[in-house]
Protein backbone atom coordinates (compact mmCIF):
# COMPACT_ATOMS: atom_id res chain seq x y z
CA UNK A 1 79.15 91.01 66.63
CA UNK A 2 80.06 87.53 65.77
CA UNK A 3 79.14 88.21 62.37
CA UNK A 4 81.67 91.12 62.32
CA UNK A 5 84.39 88.96 63.74
CA UNK A 6 83.74 86.63 60.94
CA UNK A 7 83.90 89.06 58.46
CA UNK A 8 87.15 90.05 59.82
CA UNK A 9 88.84 86.96 60.22
CA UNK A 10 87.90 86.12 56.46
CA UNK A 11 89.60 89.10 55.39
CA UNK A 12 92.40 88.73 57.22
CA UNK A 13 92.85 85.29 55.56
CA UNK A 14 91.76 85.88 52.20
CA UNK A 15 93.35 89.45 51.22
CA UNK A 16 97.05 89.27 50.36
CA UNK A 17 99.70 90.69 52.41
CA UNK A 18 101.87 93.45 51.14
CA UNK A 19 105.13 92.40 49.60
CA UNK A 20 107.62 91.29 52.65
CA UNK A 21 111.07 90.70 52.66
CA UNK A 22 112.11 87.50 54.61
CA UNK A 23 115.94 86.28 55.48
CA UNK A 24 116.22 82.60 56.46
CA UNK A 25 119.28 82.13 57.84
CA UNK A 26 120.97 78.20 59.09
CA UNK A 27 124.39 76.73 59.82
CA UNK A 28 124.52 75.34 56.04
CA UNK A 29 122.22 74.96 53.03
CA UNK A 30 122.24 71.76 50.44
CA UNK A 31 122.78 72.94 47.26
CA UNK A 32 121.00 69.65 45.20
CA UNK A 33 122.26 70.78 42.18
CA UNK A 34 125.87 70.76 43.01
CA UNK A 35 125.72 68.10 46.09
CA UNK A 36 127.44 70.45 47.92
CA UNK A 37 126.96 72.52 51.24
CA UNK A 38 126.87 76.26 51.45
CA UNK A 39 128.05 77.48 54.92
CA UNK A 40 126.03 79.95 56.84
CA UNK A 41 123.94 80.57 53.98
CA UNK A 42 121.44 83.85 53.88
CA UNK A 43 118.10 82.59 51.79
CA UNK A 44 116.47 86.27 51.12
CA UNK A 45 112.80 85.80 49.99
CA UNK A 46 110.64 88.49 48.72
CA UNK A 47 106.87 88.48 48.28
CA UNK A 48 107.49 84.46 48.39
CA UNK A 49 110.34 84.28 45.80
CA UNK A 50 113.89 83.81 46.45
CA UNK A 51 115.79 86.83 45.19
CA UNK A 52 119.25 86.02 46.75
CA UNK A 53 121.45 82.84 48.34
CA UNK A 54 124.88 83.57 49.61
CA UNK A 55 127.23 82.47 52.49
CA UNK A 56 127.70 84.54 54.95
CA UNK A 57 126.13 87.75 53.63
CA UNK A 58 124.16 90.56 55.19
CA UNK A 59 120.69 90.11 56.22
CA UNK A 60 118.37 92.72 54.52
CA UNK A 61 117.97 96.02 56.80
CA UNK A 62 114.15 95.41 58.01
CA UNK A 63 113.89 91.75 56.80
CA UNK A 64 112.07 89.48 58.87
CA UNK A 65 114.63 86.79 59.89
CA UNK A 66 113.82 83.10 60.29
CA UNK A 67 116.80 81.74 62.39
CA UNK A 68 117.72 78.13 62.11
CA UNK A 69 120.61 78.10 63.64
CA UNK A 70 122.02 74.65 63.87
CA UNK A 71 120.23 73.06 61.03
CA UNK A 72 120.69 71.98 57.37
CA UNK A 73 118.55 73.96 54.78
CA UNK A 74 117.14 71.94 51.63
CA UNK A 75 114.73 72.76 49.07
CA UNK A 76 111.14 71.64 50.32
CA UNK A 77 110.35 68.19 49.22
CA UNK A 78 108.01 67.06 46.03
CA UNK A 79 105.67 63.78 46.41
CA UNK A 80 104.80 62.99 42.92
CA UNK A 81 102.32 60.49 43.86
CA UNK A 82 99.49 61.29 46.52
CA UNK A 83 95.63 60.76 47.00
CA UNK A 84 95.02 63.90 49.75
CA UNK A 85 91.56 62.70 49.94
CA UNK A 86 92.42 59.23 51.03
CA UNK A 87 93.31 57.58 54.48
CA UNK A 88 94.38 53.77 54.62
CA UNK A 89 92.23 53.61 57.98
CA UNK A 90 89.46 53.10 55.74
CA UNK A 91 90.07 50.20 53.40
CA UNK A 92 87.78 47.76 51.58
CA UNK A 93 84.13 48.83 52.05
CA UNK A 94 84.58 50.66 55.51
CA UNK A 95 84.51 54.19 53.87
CA UNK A 96 81.01 53.73 52.72
CA UNK A 97 79.86 54.43 56.29
CA UNK A 98 80.50 58.27 55.48
CA UNK A 99 79.03 60.80 53.59
CA UNK A 100 80.58 61.62 50.22
CA UNK A 101 82.26 64.95 51.46
CA UNK A 102 83.93 63.37 54.29
CA UNK A 103 86.80 62.67 52.00
CA UNK A 104 87.05 66.18 51.21
CA UNK A 105 87.76 67.13 55.15
CA UNK A 106 89.86 64.19 55.27
CA UNK A 107 91.90 65.87 52.19
CA UNK A 108 92.27 69.12 54.51
CA UNK A 109 93.77 67.06 57.28
CA UNK A 110 96.30 65.28 55.03
CA UNK A 111 97.23 68.65 53.10
CA UNK A 112 98.40 70.17 56.35
CA UNK A 113 100.15 66.96 57.63
CA UNK A 114 102.16 66.72 54.13
CA UNK A 115 103.41 70.56 54.68
CA UNK A 116 104.25 69.92 58.31
CA UNK A 117 106.46 66.99 57.41
CA UNK A 118 108.44 68.86 54.99
CA UNK A 119 106.66 68.45 51.45
CA UNK A 120 106.04 71.79 50.12
CA UNK A 121 104.76 70.45 46.84
CA UNK A 122 102.47 67.45 45.82
CA UNK A 123 100.90 65.63 42.68
CA UNK A 124 97.75 64.53 43.39
CA UNK A 125 96.92 62.18 40.76
CA UNK A 126 93.26 60.76 41.10
CA UNK A 127 90.48 61.96 43.72
CA UNK A 128 86.73 61.82 43.50
CA UNK A 129 84.07 64.29 43.42
CA UNK A 130 86.82 66.97 42.41
CA UNK A 131 88.05 67.37 46.60
CA UNK A 132 91.40 68.28 46.01
CA UNK A 133 90.89 70.65 43.41
CA UNK A 134 88.77 72.52 45.90
CA UNK A 135 91.35 72.34 48.74
CA UNK A 136 93.73 73.58 46.39
CA UNK A 137 91.59 76.52 45.75
CA UNK A 138 91.37 76.99 49.36
CA UNK A 139 95.05 76.90 50.00
CA UNK A 140 95.67 79.29 47.36
CA UNK A 141 93.49 81.74 48.78
CA UNK A 142 95.00 81.43 52.18
CA UNK A 143 92.08 79.74 54.06
CA UNK A 144 94.05 76.85 54.39
CA UNK A 145 97.84 75.53 55.10
CA UNK A 146 98.87 73.01 52.57
CA UNK A 147 101.37 72.66 49.82
CA UNK A 148 101.31 73.46 46.48
CA UNK A 149 99.26 70.92 44.92
CA UNK A 150 99.35 69.58 41.14
CA UNK A 151 96.09 67.80 40.61
CA UNK A 152 94.73 65.79 38.34
CA UNK A 153 90.90 65.52 39.41
CA UNK A 154 89.58 61.86 38.29
CA UNK A 155 91.64 59.50 36.62
CA UNK A 156 90.97 57.65 33.22
CA UNK A 157 90.47 54.30 32.71
CA UNK A 158 88.57 51.40 30.72
CA UNK A 159 85.18 50.71 31.83
CA UNK A 160 85.62 48.21 34.70
CA UNK A 161 89.39 48.90 34.78
CA UNK A 162 91.15 50.19 38.04
CA UNK A 163 90.10 53.16 37.83
CA UNK A 164 86.32 52.62 37.47
CA UNK A 165 83.94 52.15 40.24
CA UNK A 166 84.67 48.38 40.87
CA UNK A 167 83.53 47.70 44.30
CA UNK A 168 79.47 48.11 43.81
CA UNK A 169 76.79 45.97 42.22
CA UNK A 170 74.92 46.95 39.09
CA UNK A 171 71.82 48.27 40.97
CA UNK A 172 74.15 51.03 42.09
CA UNK A 173 74.76 52.15 38.66
CA UNK A 174 78.46 53.55 39.79
CA UNK A 175 80.51 54.71 37.47
CA UNK A 176 83.45 56.99 37.11
CA UNK A 177 83.58 60.05 35.14
CA UNK A 178 86.70 59.27 34.11
CA UNK A 179 85.69 56.36 32.41
CA UNK A 180 85.86 56.16 28.40
CA UNK A 181 86.18 53.22 25.69
CA UNK A 182 87.51 54.49 22.68
CA UNK A 183 90.27 57.08 21.70
CA UNK A 184 87.99 59.70 20.57
CA UNK A 185 85.98 59.52 24.12
CA UNK A 186 89.38 59.75 25.89
CA UNK A 187 90.18 62.96 24.42
CA UNK A 188 87.04 64.36 25.54
CA UNK A 189 87.64 63.10 29.02
CA UNK A 190 91.08 64.92 29.15
CA UNK A 191 89.29 68.25 28.05
CA UNK A 192 86.44 67.45 30.53
CA UNK A 193 89.25 67.58 33.34
CA UNK A 194 90.95 70.14 32.19
CA UNK A 195 88.02 72.40 32.39
CA UNK A 196 87.38 71.43 35.97
CA UNK A 197 90.88 72.51 36.86
CA UNK A 198 93.24 69.49 36.28
CA UNK A 199 96.91 70.11 35.80
CA UNK A 200 98.08 66.61 35.09
CA UNK A 201 96.52 63.93 33.43
CA UNK A 202 95.80 60.61 34.99
CA UNK A 203 95.19 57.03 33.09
CA UNK A 204 95.09 53.59 34.39
CA UNK A 205 97.11 51.79 31.74
CA UNK A 206 96.78 48.36 33.91
CA UNK A 207 95.15 46.94 36.45
CA UNK A 208 95.83 47.83 40.37
CA UNK A 209 95.94 46.18 43.79
CA UNK A 210 93.34 48.32 45.46
CA UNK A 211 90.54 47.78 43.02
CA UNK A 212 88.19 44.68 42.77
CA UNK A 213 88.22 42.48 39.39
CA UNK A 214 91.39 43.47 38.23
CA UNK A 215 94.84 42.38 38.50
CA UNK A 216 98.27 44.47 38.39
CA UNK A 217 99.81 42.98 35.52
CA UNK A 218 96.90 43.21 33.47
CA UNK A 219 96.79 45.78 30.43
CA UNK A 220 93.64 47.57 30.30
CA UNK A 221 93.66 50.53 27.92
CA UNK A 222 94.90 49.82 24.22
CA UNK A 223 98.19 51.90 23.06
CA UNK A 224 95.99 53.75 20.50
CA UNK A 225 94.08 54.73 23.58
CA UNK A 226 97.08 55.78 25.78
CA UNK A 227 98.64 57.55 22.73
CA UNK A 228 95.23 59.66 22.11
CA UNK A 229 95.29 60.43 25.96
CA UNK A 230 98.95 61.51 25.89
CA UNK A 231 98.34 63.42 22.55
CA UNK A 232 95.34 65.62 23.30
CA UNK A 233 96.90 65.96 27.22
CA UNK A 234 100.42 67.50 25.55
CA UNK A 235 98.16 69.86 23.06
CA UNK A 236 96.47 71.64 26.15
CA UNK A 237 99.78 71.81 27.79
CA UNK A 238 99.33 68.99 30.33
CA UNK A 239 101.93 66.10 31.54
CA UNK A 240 100.44 62.65 31.70
CA UNK A 241 100.91 60.26 34.36
CA UNK A 242 100.22 56.56 33.94
CA UNK A 243 99.29 53.88 36.67
CA UNK A 244 100.81 50.90 35.09
CA UNK A 245 101.78 47.70 37.24
CA UNK A 246 102.33 45.33 34.29
CA UNK A 247 105.27 45.01 31.84
CA UNK A 248 102.98 45.07 28.40
CA UNK A 249 101.07 48.07 29.79
CA UNK A 250 104.19 49.85 30.89
CA UNK A 251 105.88 49.70 27.68
CA UNK A 252 102.55 50.25 25.81
CA UNK A 253 102.31 53.71 28.06
CA UNK A 254 106.00 54.38 27.06
CA UNK A 255 105.71 54.00 23.31
CA UNK A 256 102.39 56.45 23.57
CA UNK A 257 104.37 59.16 24.82
CA UNK A 258 103.38 59.40 28.46
CA UNK A 259 105.62 61.16 30.82
CA UNK A 260 105.56 59.24 34.04
CA UNK A 261 105.04 56.00 34.99
CA UNK A 262 103.19 55.09 38.19
CA UNK A 263 104.33 52.02 40.30
CA UNK A 264 106.38 50.23 37.38
CA UNK A 265 106.17 47.10 39.69
CA UNK A 266 106.66 44.27 37.25
CA UNK A 267 108.70 46.07 34.47
CA UNK A 268 110.83 44.12 32.22
CA UNK A 269 114.45 44.98 30.86
CA UNK A 270 112.73 46.08 27.91
CA UNK A 271 110.80 48.47 29.64
CA UNK A 272 113.72 50.14 31.30
CA UNK A 273 115.47 50.46 28.20
CA UNK A 274 112.09 52.07 26.37
CA UNK A 275 112.25 54.51 29.74
CA UNK A 276 115.59 55.47 29.28
CA UNK A 277 115.55 56.12 25.48
CA UNK A 278 112.72 57.78 26.03
CA UNK A 279 113.36 60.06 29.01
CA UNK A 280 110.00 58.37 30.55
CA UNK A 281 110.36 59.12 34.48
CA UNK A 282 109.35 56.34 36.68
CA UNK A 283 107.38 57.16 39.66
CA UNK A 284 107.78 54.17 42.06
CA UNK A 285 106.41 54.10 45.40
CA UNK A 286 108.26 50.97 47.23
CA UNK A 287 107.75 52.09 51.10
CA UNK A 288 103.75 51.73 51.40
CA UNK A 289 103.74 47.82 51.30
CA UNK A 290 105.39 47.94 55.29
CA UNK A 291 102.28 49.73 56.38
CA UNK A 292 99.86 47.90 54.14
CA UNK A 293 100.63 44.45 55.00
CA UNK A 294 101.27 45.54 58.73
CA UNK A 295 97.60 47.26 59.09
CA UNK A 296 95.87 46.38 56.20
CA UNK A 297 93.40 43.53 57.53
CA UNK A 298 92.46 46.15 60.69
CA UNK A 299 91.96 48.70 58.16
CA UNK A 300 89.24 46.76 56.45
CA UNK A 301 91.43 45.79 53.22
CA UNK A 302 89.99 43.05 51.39
CA UNK A 303 92.24 39.71 51.58
CA UNK A 304 92.20 39.47 47.55
CA UNK A 305 94.21 43.14 47.68
CA UNK A 306 96.58 42.43 50.51
CA UNK A 307 97.44 38.96 48.13
CA UNK A 308 98.19 41.28 45.03
CA UNK A 309 100.09 43.77 47.77
CA UNK A 310 102.20 41.04 48.91
CA UNK A 311 102.90 39.43 45.21
CA UNK A 312 104.00 42.39 44.20
CA UNK A 313 105.84 44.07 46.92
CA UNK A 314 109.30 42.49 46.51
CA UNK A 315 109.50 42.24 42.70
CA UNK A 316 108.54 46.29 42.48
CA UNK A 317 111.90 47.21 45.13
CA UNK A 318 113.94 44.77 42.81
CA UNK A 319 113.26 46.47 39.60
CA UNK A 320 113.31 49.81 41.31
CA UNK A 321 117.13 48.81 41.94
CA UNK A 322 117.37 47.53 38.37
CA UNK A 323 116.17 50.55 36.91
CA UNK A 324 117.91 52.74 38.85
CA UNK A 325 120.95 50.73 38.08
CA UNK A 326 120.15 51.42 34.31
CA UNK A 327 120.23 55.13 34.60
CA UNK A 328 116.66 55.62 34.33
CA UNK A 329 115.12 58.90 35.49
CA UNK A 330 113.56 58.25 39.10
CA UNK A 331 111.33 60.73 41.06
CA UNK A 332 109.88 60.68 44.82
CA UNK A 333 106.38 58.80 45.13
CA UNK A 334 104.80 57.79 48.05
CA UNK A 335 100.99 56.49 47.32
CA UNK A 336 100.00 58.75 50.53
CA UNK A 337 96.59 57.44 50.99
CA UNK A 338 97.38 53.94 50.63
CA UNK A 339 99.64 54.65 53.98
CA UNK A 340 99.39 57.58 55.81
CA UNK A 341 100.51 61.09 54.69
CA UNK A 342 102.54 61.90 57.26
CA UNK A 343 104.75 59.19 57.43
CA UNK A 344 106.03 59.42 53.89
CA UNK A 345 109.30 60.61 54.60
CA UNK A 346 110.19 57.21 55.76
CA UNK A 347 110.64 56.01 52.05
CA UNK A 348 114.09 58.00 51.49
CA UNK A 349 115.51 55.33 53.52
CA UNK A 350 114.21 52.51 51.59
CA UNK A 351 114.99 54.32 48.27
CA UNK A 352 118.68 54.34 49.72
CA UNK A 353 118.62 50.73 50.60
CA UNK A 354 117.66 49.80 47.10
CA UNK A 355 120.50 51.52 45.28
CA UNK A 356 120.30 55.20 45.56
CA UNK A 357 122.98 57.43 47.32
CA UNK A 358 121.32 59.84 49.60
CA UNK A 359 121.92 62.88 47.37
CA UNK A 360 120.17 61.03 44.51
CA UNK A 361 116.93 60.22 46.73
CA UNK A 362 116.91 64.06 47.87
CA UNK A 363 117.26 64.59 44.27
CA UNK A 364 114.05 62.89 43.31
CA UNK A 365 112.25 64.28 45.42
CA UNK A 366 113.71 68.01 44.44
CA UNK A 367 115.54 68.56 40.98
CA UNK A 368 114.02 65.32 39.49
CA UNK A 369 110.33 66.16 40.60
CA UNK A 370 110.59 69.56 39.64
CA UNK A 371 111.65 68.68 35.91
CA UNK A 372 109.02 65.93 35.86
CA UNK A 373 106.58 68.56 36.80
CA UNK A 374 107.66 70.86 34.36
CA UNK A 375 108.58 73.14 37.22
CA UNK A 376 112.19 73.35 36.70
CA UNK A 377 113.70 76.43 38.45
CA UNK A 378 110.40 77.17 40.33
CA UNK A 379 110.59 74.31 43.03
CA UNK A 380 112.83 71.83 44.13
CA UNK A 381 115.70 74.49 44.30
CA UNK A 382 116.79 77.19 46.38
CA UNK A 383 117.94 79.85 44.25
CA UNK A 384 116.83 83.10 42.79
CA UNK A 385 113.39 83.05 40.83
CA UNK A 386 112.22 79.78 42.39
CA UNK A 387 109.40 79.97 45.28
CA UNK A 388 110.90 80.47 49.05
CA UNK A 389 110.09 76.94 50.19
CA UNK A 390 112.69 75.18 52.48
CA UNK A 391 112.91 72.51 55.18
CA UNK A 392 115.45 72.14 58.03
CA UNK A 393 116.84 69.06 59.48
CA UNK A 394 119.11 68.91 62.50
CA UNK A 395 121.72 66.49 61.20
CA UNK A 396 123.77 65.68 57.88
CA UNK A 397 121.43 64.54 55.27
CA UNK A 398 123.89 62.87 52.90
CA UNK A 399 125.07 60.84 55.94
CA UNK A 400 121.79 59.93 57.32
CA UNK A 401 118.75 60.33 54.43
CA UNK A 402 116.52 59.17 57.66
CA UNK A 403 116.90 63.01 58.58
CA UNK A 404 114.20 63.61 56.05
CA UNK A 405 111.71 61.31 57.97
CA UNK A 406 112.29 63.78 60.91
CA UNK A 407 111.92 67.58 59.51
CA UNK A 408 112.29 70.24 62.10
CA UNK A 409 111.33 73.24 60.27
CA UNK A 410 109.26 74.02 57.13
CA UNK A 411 109.29 77.35 54.98
CA UNK A 412 107.10 77.85 52.33
CA UNK A 413 106.66 80.80 50.36
CA UNK A 414 109.13 82.77 53.09
CA UNK A 415 106.49 81.72 55.87
CA UNK A 416 107.42 79.60 58.48
CA UNK A 417 104.87 76.93 59.40
CA UNK A 418 104.36 77.18 63.06
């Protein structure tokens, strides 16, 4: 009897539902392209995709209605830099007390939490053991609740660099599958990650904060290696994200043709000019230091890592302001995993504090992020042809962007997230 019930449950979860018409209504909708509100919107979604958006229109006969009266609608949010299989509560060596697949289970929880706080699409830039690809597949098959995931699998990097295994002694022989040391070997690594489902390639161009024996400003890959990665990824139709804190590594990555620069903490004036000239997106996580400095020691983070975090935090925020003022393209990026996934909406307020208008901060997590993903018109907008991904807040996000840290309702593909 129990086997029959389990089989029936699995069939219900895994079998796609017949096309259904859904109508989402609310008091108003923020058109992120124009920056204007649409009053009394009706958003019609058929089989997960938006087919109609109008003001005060009729709800189609027989449509399932999601009435969000008293609320403002926006597109589902996009976070361009997350690590779904990590939790900040396990810093330093504390994560070694668990089995290898503990991280996969954490990823299931984190994916659902990010969806519930309004992020209907995320880009996962680096994980272990292909954890996040497995979670992505389970979400797509209907077994789990979570956002749309663009995942990079293992990040590429130099031997002994930020994206290698740097915490264990030689007797463990620990080495990341993404490590290489020549341009041609990096081309092979790109192909390997794509083979196992990578939809973006992540590369570590400089040292980092939360690794051992690396400094954030230190360039760790030669420009010819970065160029080989970018060329090979683009050949296969993939975007490339470069972890790069240091000014030299940032400029090398931009010149190499990499699409987004992650962190960009120590970017200099030349780097800002290059990013603007080349149309390279900056993906700057300017919120998480509040969490890491407050709780890092209790979470087991080593003092050397906290020292690096302190040293670059304010510099990164000041450079965010400078790059934005110069007109460089910016996308929303939290580095969730370093901080709790369910708290990432708090970054919108910091983005406004450091120079953005509320609309610009919202566009960073919608229009800009969609363009940087190569998914313009598919996510990050509410218009025909896009996925029916929406969020609802009770106030006016253009007056108080903090509304996005307290999302009241989430709709993914026309389905209300309970």
